[in-house]
């Protein structure tokens, strides 16, 4: 099983690849749901934080939050481009 940091990087890579393929607003909305929704990939990472040690949790939580902000920002920029 990949480390937590590896999971973050894999998720970032998958997201960016799928974002490049988004050609419509609908594609972008589906991407946002897949990664940023209640049952999305970023939320799944947040759930995995529970298994991390108390010492690691704040640092890893910050990384997941930064990833979420990065994804949101990419989505906003892509939406502006698509409209």
N, C-alpha and C. Protein backbone atom coordinates (compact mmCIF):
# COMPACT_ATOMS: atom_id res chain seq x y z
N UNK A 1 0.85 -1.19 0.00
CA UNK A 1 0.00 0.00 0.00
C UNK A 1 0.89 1.24 0.00
N UNK A 2 0.58 2.21 -0.88
CA UNK A 2 1.41 3.41 -0.94
C UNK A 2 1.30 4.23 0.35
N UNK A 3 2.35 4.97 0.64
CA UNK A 3 2.33 5.83 1.81
C UNK A 3 1.29 6.93 1.61
N UNK A 4 0.96 7.60 2.69
CA UNK A 4 -0.03 8.67 2.63
C UNK A 4 0.43 9.77 1.66
N UNK A 5 1.70 10.12 1.73
CA UNK A 5 2.23 11.15 0.82
C UNK A 5 2.16 10.69 -0.63
N UNK A 6 2.44 9.41 -0.86
CA UNK A 6 2.34 8.85 -2.21
C UNK A 6 0.89 8.91 -2.70
N UNK A 7 -0.05 8.63 -1.81
CA UNK A 7 -1.46 8.69 -2.18
C UNK A 7 -1.86 10.10 -2.60
N UNK A 8 -1.35 11.10 -1.88
CA UNK A 8 -1.64 12.49 -2.22
C UNK A 8 -1.10 12.81 -3.61
N UNK A 9 0.13 12.41 -3.87
CA UNK A 9 0.74 12.69 -5.18
C UNK A 9 0.04 11.94 -6.31
N UNK A 10 -0.35 10.70 -6.06
CA UNK A 10 -1.10 9.94 -7.06
C UNK A 10 -2.43 10.61 -7.37
N UNK A 11 -3.12 11.03 -6.33
CA UNK A 11 -4.41 11.69 -6.50
C UNK A 11 -4.24 12.97 -7.30
N UNK A 12 -3.20 13.74 -6.99
CA UNK A 12 -2.92 14.98 -7.71
C UNK A 12 -2.67 14.67 -9.20
N UNK A 13 -1.89 13.65 -9.46
CA UNK A 13 -1.58 13.26 -10.84
C UNK A 13 -2.84 12.85 -11.60
N UNK A 14 -3.66 12.01 -10.99
CA UNK A 14 -4.90 11.56 -11.62
C UNK A 14 -5.81 12.75 -11.91
N UNK A 15 -5.95 13.64 -10.92
CA UNK A 15 -6.82 14.80 -11.05
C UNK A 15 -6.37 15.68 -12.22
N UNK A 16 -5.08 15.99 -12.25
CA UNK A 16 -4.57 16.88 -13.30
C UNK A 16 -4.72 16.26 -14.68
N UNK A 17 -4.53 14.95 -14.79
CA UNK A 17 -4.73 14.27 -16.08
C UNK A 17 -6.18 14.34 -16.51
N UNK A 18 -7.09 14.11 -15.59
CA UNK A 18 -8.52 14.17 -15.92
C UNK A 18 -8.95 15.60 -16.21
N UNK A 19 -8.35 16.55 -15.51
CA UNK A 19 -8.69 17.95 -15.74
C UNK A 19 -8.32 18.37 -17.17
N UNK A 20 -7.21 17.89 -17.67
CA UNK A 20 -6.79 18.19 -19.04
C UNK A 20 -7.80 17.69 -20.05
N UNK A 21 -8.50 16.60 -19.70
CA UNK A 21 -9.45 15.99 -20.62
C UNK A 21 -10.84 16.59 -20.51
N UNK A 22 -11.07 17.45 -19.53
CA UNK A 22 -12.40 18.06 -19.35
C UNK A 22 -12.62 19.07 -20.48
N UNK A 23 -13.65 18.81 -21.29
CA UNK A 23 -13.90 19.69 -22.43
C UNK A 23 -15.23 20.42 -22.31
N UNK A 24 -15.98 20.15 -21.25
CA UNK A 24 -17.25 20.84 -21.06
C UNK A 24 -17.45 21.14 -19.57
N UNK A 25 -18.39 22.01 -19.31
CA UNK A 25 -18.72 22.35 -17.93
C UNK A 25 -19.21 21.10 -17.20
N UNK A 26 -19.95 20.26 -17.89
CA UNK A 26 -20.46 19.02 -17.30
C UNK A 26 -19.30 18.10 -16.89
N UNK A 27 -18.30 17.99 -17.75
CA UNK A 27 -17.11 17.20 -17.42
C UNK A 27 -16.46 17.72 -16.15
N UNK A 28 -16.36 19.03 -16.06
CA UNK A 28 -15.73 19.66 -14.91
C UNK A 28 -16.54 19.42 -13.64
N UNK A 29 -17.86 19.51 -13.74
CA UNK A 29 -18.72 19.26 -12.58
C UNK A 29 -18.56 17.81 -12.09
N UNK A 30 -18.50 16.88 -13.03
CA UNK A 30 -18.31 15.48 -12.66
C UNK A 30 -16.96 15.26 -11.98
N UNK A 31 -15.95 15.96 -12.47
CA UNK A 31 -14.62 15.87 -11.88
C UNK A 31 -14.62 16.42 -10.45
N UNK A 32 -15.29 17.54 -10.26
CA UNK A 32 -15.39 18.14 -8.92
C UNK A 32 -16.08 17.18 -7.95
N UNK A 33 -17.14 16.56 -8.42
CA UNK A 33 -17.87 15.62 -7.57
C UNK A 33 -16.98 14.43 -7.23
N UNK A 34 -16.28 13.92 -8.22
CA UNK A 34 -15.42 12.74 -8.03
C UNK A 34 -14.32 13.01 -7.01
N UNK A 35 -13.73 14.19 -7.06
CA UNK A 35 -12.59 14.47 -6.19
C UNK A 35 -12.94 15.29 -4.95
N UNK A 36 -13.89 16.22 -5.07
CA UNK A 36 -14.15 17.14 -3.97
C UNK A 36 -15.50 16.92 -3.28
N UNK A 37 -16.29 16.00 -3.80
CA UNK A 37 -17.61 15.75 -3.22
C UNK A 37 -17.55 15.06 -1.87
N UNK A 38 -18.73 14.93 -1.25
CA UNK A 38 -18.83 14.31 0.08
C UNK A 38 -18.23 12.90 0.12
N UNK A 39 -18.38 12.19 -0.97
CA UNK A 39 -17.84 10.82 -1.04
C UNK A 39 -16.67 10.75 -2.01
N UNK A 40 -16.02 11.89 -2.22
CA UNK A 40 -14.93 11.99 -3.18
C UNK A 40 -13.60 11.52 -2.63
N UNK A 41 -12.62 11.55 -3.49
CA UNK A 41 -11.28 11.06 -3.18
C UNK A 41 -10.59 11.86 -2.09
N UNK A 42 -10.76 13.18 -2.10
CA UNK A 42 -10.13 14.00 -1.07
C UNK A 42 -10.75 13.70 0.29
N UNK A 43 -12.05 13.53 0.32
CA UNK A 43 -12.71 13.20 1.58
C UNK A 43 -12.26 11.83 2.10
N UNK A 44 -12.02 10.90 1.17
CA UNK A 44 -11.53 9.58 1.56
C UNK A 44 -10.15 9.70 2.22
N UNK A 45 -9.32 10.60 1.70
CA UNK A 45 -8.02 10.84 2.34
C UNK A 45 -8.20 11.40 3.74
N UNK A 46 -9.16 12.30 3.89
CA UNK A 46 -9.43 12.86 5.22
C UNK A 46 -9.82 11.75 6.20
N UNK A 47 -10.59 10.79 5.73
CA UNK A 47 -11.00 9.68 6.58
C UNK A 47 -9.79 8.83 6.97
N UNK A 48 -8.85 8.69 6.05
CA UNK A 48 -7.65 7.89 6.32
C UNK A 48 -6.75 8.56 7.36
N UNK A 49 -6.90 9.85 7.55
CA UNK A 49 -6.09 10.56 8.55
C UNK A 49 -6.30 9.96 9.94
N UNK A 50 -7.47 9.40 10.16
CA UNK A 50 -7.77 8.80 11.47
C UNK A 50 -6.77 7.71 11.84
N UNK A 51 -6.25 7.03 10.83
CA UNK A 51 -5.32 5.93 11.07
C UNK A 51 -3.89 6.42 11.30
N UNK A 52 -3.64 7.68 11.02
CA UNK A 52 -2.30 8.23 11.20
C UNK A 52 -2.04 8.55 12.67
N UNK A 53 -0.78 8.61 13.01
CA UNK A 53 -0.44 8.92 14.39
C UNK A 53 -0.81 10.37 14.71
N UNK A 54 -1.01 10.63 15.99
CA UNK A 54 -1.39 11.97 16.45
C UNK A 54 -0.32 12.99 16.08
N UNK A 55 0.93 12.57 16.02
CA UNK A 55 2.02 13.49 15.68
C UNK A 55 1.98 13.86 14.19
N UNK A 56 1.61 12.90 13.34
CA UNK A 56 1.60 13.13 11.90
C UNK A 56 0.34 13.83 11.43
N UNK A 57 -0.75 13.63 12.14
CA UNK A 57 -2.07 14.09 11.68
C UNK A 57 -2.12 15.57 11.31
N UNK A 58 -1.58 16.50 12.12
CA UNK A 58 -1.68 17.91 11.74
C UNK A 58 -0.94 18.22 10.42
N UNK A 59 0.23 17.68 10.25
CA UNK A 59 1.02 17.94 9.04
C UNK A 59 0.32 17.33 7.81
N UNK A 60 -0.13 16.09 7.93
CA UNK A 60 -0.79 15.44 6.81
C UNK A 60 -2.14 16.07 6.52
N UNK A 61 -2.85 16.47 7.56
CA UNK A 61 -4.13 17.15 7.37
C UNK A 61 -3.95 18.45 6.61
N UNK A 62 -2.89 19.17 6.93
CA UNK A 62 -2.60 20.42 6.22
C UNK A 62 -2.34 20.14 4.74
N UNK A 63 -1.60 19.06 4.45
CA UNK A 63 -1.33 18.70 3.06
C UNK A 63 -2.61 18.36 2.30
N UNK A 64 -3.53 17.65 2.97
CA UNK A 64 -4.79 17.29 2.32
C UNK A 64 -5.62 18.55 2.08
N UNK A 65 -5.64 19.46 3.04
CA UNK A 65 -6.37 20.71 2.86
C UNK A 65 -5.79 21.55 1.72
N UNK A 66 -4.47 21.57 1.62
CA UNK A 66 -3.83 22.29 0.52
C UNK A 66 -4.17 21.65 -0.82
N UNK A 67 -4.23 20.32 -0.84
CA UNK A 67 -4.61 19.61 -2.06
C UNK A 67 -6.04 19.98 -2.46
N UNK A 68 -6.92 20.02 -1.50
CA UNK A 68 -8.32 20.38 -1.77
C UNK A 68 -8.41 21.80 -2.33
N UNK A 69 -7.67 22.72 -1.74
CA UNK A 69 -7.66 24.10 -2.24
C UNK A 69 -7.08 24.17 -3.65
N UNK A 70 -6.03 23.39 -3.89
CA UNK A 70 -5.42 23.35 -5.22
C UNK A 70 -6.43 22.85 -6.25
N UNK A 71 -7.14 21.77 -5.93
CA UNK A 71 -8.13 21.21 -6.85
C UNK A 71 -9.23 22.24 -7.12
N UNK A 72 -9.70 22.90 -6.07
CA UNK A 72 -10.75 23.91 -6.23
C UNK A 72 -10.29 25.04 -7.14
N UNK A 73 -9.08 25.48 -6.93
CA UNK A 73 -8.53 26.56 -7.74
C UNK A 73 -8.42 26.15 -9.21
N UNK A 74 -7.91 24.95 -9.45
CA UNK A 74 -7.82 24.44 -10.82
C UNK A 74 -9.20 24.38 -11.47
N UNK A 75 -10.19 23.94 -10.71
CA UNK A 75 -11.56 23.84 -11.24
C UNK A 75 -12.10 25.23 -11.60
N UNK A 76 -11.87 26.21 -10.75
CA UNK A 76 -12.34 27.57 -11.02
C UNK A 76 -11.70 28.13 -12.29
N UNK A 77 -10.38 27.94 -12.43
CA UNK A 77 -9.69 28.43 -13.61
C UNK A 77 -10.18 27.72 -14.88
N UNK A 78 -10.39 26.43 -14.77
CA UNK A 78 -10.86 25.68 -15.93
C UNK A 78 -12.28 26.07 -16.29
N UNK A 79 -13.12 26.32 -15.30
CA UNK A 79 -14.49 26.75 -15.55
C UNK A 79 -14.48 28.08 -16.29
N UNK A 80 -13.65 29.00 -15.88
CA UNK A 80 -13.54 30.30 -16.54
C UNK A 80 -13.11 30.12 -18.00
N UNK A 81 -12.22 29.18 -18.23
CA UNK A 81 -11.74 28.91 -19.58
C UNK A 81 -12.83 28.29 -20.45
N UNK A 82 -13.64 27.43 -19.86
CA UNK A 82 -14.67 26.72 -20.63
C UNK A 82 -15.88 27.59 -20.94
N UNK A 83 -16.09 28.61 -20.15
CA UNK A 83 -17.29 29.44 -20.38
C UNK A 83 -17.07 30.51 -21.41
